[in-house]
Amino acid sequence: MLLEGLETLLVLSKEKTMSRTGSVLYISPSAVSKRIANLERRLGKRLIEPSGRHVKLTAAGSQLIDNIAPSFNELQGLIFDQQALLDHTPIRIDCSETLVAGYLSHAFSDYAKRDPYIKITTNHTPRIVEHVQSGQATLGVCAGHIPAHHGLKAIHLLDEPFYVVSRNALDALPEHVITNDLNNSSNTYQLTVLNQLGIEPLMEMDSYAAAAQLALAGVAPAIVPLSMVNTLNIPAQHCFEFAELHGLFRPIHICLRPNAYQNPRIRALITAIESAVPKEALTPSTST
């Protein structure tokens, strides 16, 4: 019961509502509330408090999360390592949304015919790494920099280039661009490169698709990865490549717990992903 309560508090600290936490854990909001109340009684501390329509951690709750989150994730991962991956065991692949859309949808469609127990979810890279560390996902396909000291086996697939998408023709790098969320730890490295080039982020989106659509509407140029250029079928006359931007790219990795790599079913899936990405990651014709 204690581990169940800690898991619920960890999820609640990220999801902020009882409803979303229940959806993640496949339990009702009232069950979430009951688990937290039982944990608070066990520890003799208030761990959460209302915050508008959300809940937030108290100081005691935040301290508890800081102390137990890394160890709890590793414990969950160690338990996952003991589970047998049989032919009918569900395999969850947690992926960057842009990679599913831009590179992997066809590969997953074909592979699902061979292995119908594959489940695909999408997340940002920091959350993907957490899910693989804890065994909530068997494989992760990550875009951007992955956290240091993650303890996972990481397989590098490619360094994905970025393009400047613009409604209007460009003959030089723009001074301002629309970017994706640079507070996301997997994207913060981009800010260093842009600063070195004297480019100021004008707006930060949570979606590269939104950034690209704003650029095509004429709001401002946007920095967009190849996978999203391919997904949106952005015409070549709106894609611009500059030599100065060659140092700006997204590293793409598969990550998994080391023990999982020993399973033949997992290795076959990795091989399918590895073979799909180079075939799909074809550089588009650009206007410069």
Protein backbone atom coordinates (compact mmCIF):
# COMPACT_ATOMS: atom_id res chain seq x y z
CA MET A 1 0.00 0.00 0.00
CA LEU A 2 2.89 2.37 0.75
CA LEU A 3 4.42 1.87 -2.71
CA GLU A 4 1.00 2.32 -4.29
CA GLY A 5 0.57 5.65 -2.49
CA LEU A 6 4.03 6.86 -3.45
CA GLU A 7 3.43 6.00 -7.10
CA THR A 8 0.14 7.91 -7.02
CA LEU A 9 1.79 10.97 -5.45
CA LEU A 10 4.54 10.91 -8.08
CA VAL A 11 2.01 10.85 -10.90
CA LEU A 12 -0.14 13.52 -9.24
CA SER A 13 2.88 15.81 -8.90
CA LYS A 14 3.18 15.79 -12.71
CA GLU A 15 -0.46 15.62 -13.79
CA LYS A 16 -1.78 18.22 -11.27
CA THR A 17 -5.35 16.87 -11.12
CA MET A 18 -7.00 13.80 -9.62
CA SER A 19 -8.75 13.12 -12.93
CA ARG A 20 -5.61 13.09 -15.08
CA THR A 21 -3.75 11.08 -12.45
CA GLY A 22 -6.55 8.52 -12.45
CA SER A 23 -6.38 8.28 -16.24
CA VAL A 24 -2.64 7.58 -16.12
CA LEU A 25 -3.03 4.94 -13.42
CA TYR A 26 -6.31 3.49 -14.79
CA ILE A 27 -8.18 4.17 -11.55
CA SER A 28 -10.98 6.57 -10.59
CA PRO A 29 -10.30 10.09 -9.23
CA SER A 30 -11.84 9.01 -5.92
CA ALA A 31 -9.35 6.12 -5.75
CA VAL A 32 -6.52 8.61 -6.32
CA SER A 33 -7.81 10.76 -3.47
CA LYS A 34 -8.09 7.72 -1.19
CA ARG A 35 -4.54 6.59 -1.93
CA ILE A 36 -3.15 10.06 -1.15
CA ALA A 37 -5.18 10.30 2.06
CA ASN A 38 -3.87 6.88 3.17
CA LEU A 39 -0.30 7.95 2.44
CA GLU A 40 -0.76 11.19 4.39
CA ARG A 41 -2.11 9.23 7.38
CA ARG A 42 0.79 6.80 7.17
CA LEU A 43 3.37 9.60 7.13
CA GLY A 44 1.51 12.01 9.41
CA LYS A 45 1.95 14.92 6.96
CA ARG A 46 -0.12 16.94 4.51
CA LEU A 47 1.35 16.20 1.11
CA ILE A 48 -0.99 18.10 -1.24
CA GLU A 49 -3.19 21.19 -1.15
CA PRO A 50 -5.71 22.81 -3.52
CA SER A 51 -4.43 25.29 -6.12
CA GLY A 52 -7.38 26.59 -8.12
CA ARG A 53 -8.68 23.71 -10.21
CA HIS A 54 -5.46 21.80 -9.62
CA VAL A 55 -3.61 20.43 -6.66
CA LYS A 56 -0.02 21.14 -5.73
CA LEU A 57 2.49 19.59 -3.39
CA THR A 58 3.02 21.03 0.05
CA ALA A 59 6.59 21.66 1.18
CA ALA A 60 6.56 18.23 2.81
CA GLY A 61 5.20 16.67 -0.39
CA SER A 62 7.89 18.32 -2.52
CA GLN A 63 10.62 17.14 -0.15
CA LEU A 64 9.27 13.60 -0.24
CA ILE A 65 9.19 13.59 -4.05
CA ASP A 66 12.74 14.96 -4.27
CA ASN A 67 13.98 12.25 -1.94
CA ILE A 68 12.19 9.20 -3.28
CA ALA A 69 11.53 9.82 -7.02
CA PRO A 70 14.91 8.59 -8.39
CA SER A 71 14.98 5.54 -6.12
CA PHE A 72 11.31 4.73 -6.75
CA ASN A 73 11.78 4.86 -10.53
CA GLU A 74 14.80 2.58 -10.25
CA LEU A 75 12.89 0.17 -8.02
CA GLN A 76 10.08 0.01 -10.56
CA GLY A 77 12.68 -0.60 -13.27
CA LEU A 78 14.28 -3.43 -11.32
CA ILE A 79 10.88 -5.05 -10.88
CA PHE A 80 10.29 -4.64 -14.63
CA ASP A 81 13.61 -6.41 -15.29
CA GLN A 82 12.26 -9.50 -13.51
CA GLN A 83 9.18 -9.77 -15.72
CA ALA A 84 9.18 -12.26 -18.57
CA LEU A 85 8.57 -10.73 -22.00
CA LEU A 86 6.54 -13.48 -23.64
CA ASP A 87 5.20 -13.43 -27.18
CA HIS A 88 1.88 -12.04 -25.95
CA THR A 89 3.28 -9.58 -23.37
CA PRO A 90 2.34 -5.99 -24.34
CA ILE A 91 5.30 -3.85 -25.33
CA ARG A 92 4.85 -0.12 -24.87
CA ILE A 93 6.93 2.17 -27.09
CA ASP A 94 7.00 5.77 -25.86
CA CYS A 95 7.96 8.13 -28.69
CA SER A 96 8.37 11.74 -29.60
CA GLU A 97 5.23 12.70 -31.51
CA THR A 98 7.18 14.22 -34.40
CA LEU A 99 9.17 11.02 -34.87
CA VAL A 100 6.03 8.87 -35.03
CA ALA A 101 4.48 11.24 -37.55
CA GLY A 102 7.59 11.92 -39.61
CA TYR A 103 9.44 8.61 -39.69
CA LEU A 104 7.91 5.67 -37.88
CA SER A 105 4.20 5.45 -38.64
CA HIS A 106 4.66 3.18 -41.68
CA ALA A 107 7.19 1.01 -39.88
CA PHE A 108 4.89 0.58 -36.89
CA SER A 109 1.96 -0.20 -39.17
CA ASP A 110 3.89 -3.00 -40.86
CA TYR A 111 5.41 -4.32 -37.64
CA ALA A 112 2.06 -4.46 -35.83
CA LYS A 113 0.99 -7.14 -38.31
CA ARG A 114 3.85 -9.31 -37.06
CA ASP A 115 3.50 -8.38 -33.39
CA PRO A 116 -0.04 -7.24 -32.49
CA TYR A 117 0.87 -6.63 -28.83
CA ILE A 118 2.76 -3.39 -29.52
CA LYS A 119 1.35 -0.22 -27.96
CA ILE A 120 2.56 3.26 -28.94
CA THR A 121 2.32 6.37 -26.78
CA THR A 122 3.75 9.85 -27.35
CA ASN A 123 5.53 12.10 -24.89
CA HIS A 124 8.27 14.67 -24.56
CA THR A 125 11.77 13.24 -24.21
CA PRO A 126 12.26 13.86 -20.44
CA ARG A 127 9.03 11.99 -19.71
CA ILE A 128 9.95 9.20 -22.16
CA VAL A 129 13.23 8.63 -20.31
CA GLU A 130 11.40 8.51 -16.96
CA HIS A 131 8.94 5.96 -18.31
CA VAL A 132 11.70 3.70 -19.63
CA GLN A 133 13.70 4.00 -16.40
CA SER A 134 10.67 2.88 -14.39
CA GLY A 135 9.62 0.13 -16.81
CA GLN A 136 6.35 1.89 -17.69
CA ALA A 137 7.63 1.82 -21.27
CA THR A 138 9.79 -0.92 -22.75
CA LEU A 139 11.35 1.25 -25.45
CA GLY A 140 11.72 4.98 -25.87
CA VAL A 141 12.36 6.84 -29.13
CA CYS A 142 13.66 10.24 -28.11
CA ALA A 143 14.21 13.52 -29.94
CA GLY A 144 16.68 16.03 -28.57
CA HIS A 145 19.24 15.65 -25.82
CA ILE A 146 18.52 12.97 -23.25
CA PRO A 147 19.38 13.59 -19.59
CA ALA A 148 22.85 12.70 -18.35
CA HIS A 149 23.33 9.69 -16.04
CA HIS A 150 20.10 8.11 -17.24
CA GLY A 151 21.36 4.56 -16.71
CA LEU A 152 19.78 3.30 -19.93
CA LYS A 153 21.17 1.72 -23.08
CA ALA A 154 20.97 4.44 -25.77
CA ILE A 155 21.18 3.63 -29.47
CA HIS A 156 21.88 6.63 -31.70
CA LEU A 157 19.81 6.67 -34.90
CA LEU A 158 20.66 9.96 -36.55
CA ASP A 159 21.22 13.68 -36.04
CA GLU A 160 18.11 15.24 -37.51
CA PRO A 161 18.64 18.58 -39.30
CA PHE A 162 16.54 21.70 -38.78
CA TYR A 163 15.24 23.99 -41.51
CA VAL A 164 14.02 27.54 -41.43
CA VAL A 165 10.40 27.53 -42.60
CA SER A 166 9.13 30.84 -43.92
CA ARG A 167 6.23 32.06 -45.99
CA ASN A 168 8.49 34.64 -47.62
CA ALA A 169 11.79 34.00 -49.38
CA LEU A 170 14.92 34.31 -47.24
CA ASP A 171 18.41 35.05 -48.48
CA ALA A 172 19.96 35.28 -45.00
CA LEU A 173 19.32 33.96 -41.52
CA PRO A 174 16.41 35.79 -39.86
CA GLU A 175 16.97 37.82 -36.70
CA HIS A 176 13.89 36.37 -34.97
CA VAL A 177 12.38 32.89 -35.17
CA ILE A 178 9.58 30.84 -33.69
CA THR A 179 10.94 27.82 -31.81
CA ASN A 180 9.67 24.90 -29.83
CA ASP A 181 9.60 25.10 -26.01
CA LEU A 182 13.18 25.89 -24.99
CA ASN A 183 12.40 25.26 -21.31
CA ASN A 184 12.08 21.58 -22.19
CA SER A 185 15.40 20.14 -21.03
CA SER A 186 15.80 18.18 -24.28
CA ASN A 187 15.64 21.45 -26.27
CA THR A 188 17.62 23.93 -24.16
CA TYR A 189 20.81 23.30 -26.14
CA GLN A 190 19.13 24.98 -29.13
CA LEU A 191 19.13 28.32 -27.32
CA THR A 192 22.93 28.28 -27.08
CA VAL A 193 23.28 27.78 -30.84
CA LEU A 194 20.73 30.48 -31.63
CA ASN A 195 22.42 32.93 -29.28
CA GLN A 196 25.77 32.29 -30.98
CA LEU A 197 24.14 33.12 -34.32
CA GLY A 198 22.47 36.26 -32.98
CA ILE A 199 18.98 34.83 -33.51
CA GLU A 200 16.34 35.71 -30.93
CA PRO A 201 13.47 33.31 -30.15
CA LEU A 202 10.31 35.31 -30.80
CA MET A 203 7.74 32.76 -29.57
CA GLU A 204 8.04 29.28 -28.07
CA MET A 205 5.47 26.65 -29.01
CA ASP A 206 4.69 23.29 -27.44
CA SER A 207 4.38 21.85 -30.95
CA TYR A 208 6.60 22.06 -34.03
CA ALA A 209 3.45 21.76 -36.12
CA ALA A 210 2.14 24.97 -34.56
CA ALA A 211 5.47 26.72 -35.14
CA ALA A 212 5.49 25.65 -38.80
CA GLN A 213 1.90 26.73 -39.40
CA LEU A 214 2.58 30.16 -37.89
CA ALA A 215 5.60 30.50 -40.17
CA LEU A 216 3.61 29.51 -43.25
CA ALA A 217 0.94 32.04 -42.25
CA GLY A 218 3.58 34.78 -42.34
CA VAL A 219 3.87 35.50 -38.61
CA ALA A 220 7.65 34.87 -38.49
CA PRO A 221 10.14 32.24 -39.69
CA ALA A 222 10.30 29.07 -37.58
CA ILE A 223 12.97 26.49 -36.79
CA VAL A 224 11.42 23.15 -37.78
CA PRO A 225 12.96 19.62 -37.80
CA LEU A 226 13.04 17.47 -40.92
CA SER A 227 10.43 15.04 -39.55
CA MET A 228 7.85 17.83 -39.30
CA VAL A 229 8.78 19.21 -42.73
CA ASN A 230 8.06 15.75 -44.13
CA THR A 231 4.87 15.24 -42.12
CA LEU A 232 3.33 18.56 -43.15
CA ASN A 233 4.58 18.24 -46.76
CA ILE A 234 5.92 21.76 -46.57
CA PRO A 235 6.77 22.87 -50.12
CA ALA A 236 10.45 23.27 -50.92
CA GLN A 237 10.05 27.00 -51.64
CA HIS A 238 9.22 27.53 -47.96
CA CYS A 239 12.16 25.50 -46.56
CA PHE A 240 15.51 27.21 -46.21
CA GLU A 241 18.84 25.65 -45.33
CA PHE A 242 21.78 27.77 -44.20
CA ALA A 243 25.34 26.59 -43.63
CA GLU A 244 25.42 28.44 -40.30
CA LEU A 245 22.66 26.15 -39.01
CA HIS A 246 24.53 22.89 -39.64
CA GLY A 247 25.52 22.83 -35.97
CA LEU A 248 21.86 22.85 -34.97
CA PHE A 249 20.32 19.39 -35.06
CA ARG A 250 18.24 16.98 -32.96
CA PRO A 251 19.94 13.77 -31.89
CA ILE A 252 17.51 10.84 -32.20
CA HIS A 253 17.95 7.82 -29.91
CA ILE A 254 16.28 4.60 -28.94
CA CYS A 255 16.60 4.04 -25.20
CA LEU A 256 15.80 0.98 -23.10
CA ARG A 257 16.81 -0.73 -19.89
CA PRO A 258 19.98 -2.79 -20.47
CA ASN A 259 18.34 -6.10 -19.51
CA ALA A 260 15.57 -5.59 -22.05
CA TYR A 261 18.12 -5.61 -24.88
CA GLN A 262 18.79 -9.28 -24.21
CA ASN A 263 15.27 -10.22 -25.32
CA PRO A 264 15.08 -11.37 -28.99
CA ARG A 265 11.63 -9.82 -29.42
CA ILE A 266 12.95 -6.42 -28.33
CA ARG A 267 16.04 -6.68 -30.55
CA ALA A 268 13.85 -7.48 -33.56
CA LEU A 269 11.75 -4.39 -32.86
CA ILE A 270 14.87 -2.23 -32.53
CA THR A 271 16.15 -3.54 -35.86
CA ALA A 272 12.87 -2.58 -37.52
CA ILE A 273 13.08 0.96 -36.11
CA GLU A 274 16.74 1.34 -37.05
CA SER A 275 16.04 0.30 -40.64
CA ALA A 276 12.99 2.57 -40.95
CA VAL A 277 14.53 5.85 -39.86
CA PRO A 278 17.35 6.12 -42.44
CA LYS A 279 14.90 5.24 -45.23
CA GLU A 280 12.43 7.92 -44.13
CA ALA A 281 14.93 10.60 -43.12
CA LEU A 282 15.53 11.89 -46.60
CA THR A 283 16.62 15.50 -46.84
CA PRO A 284 14.03 17.57 -48.76
CA SER A 285 14.94 19.84 -51.62
CA THR A 286 15.32 23.34 -50.25
CA SER A 287 15.27 26.83 -51.65
CA THR A 288 18.84 27.73 -50.74
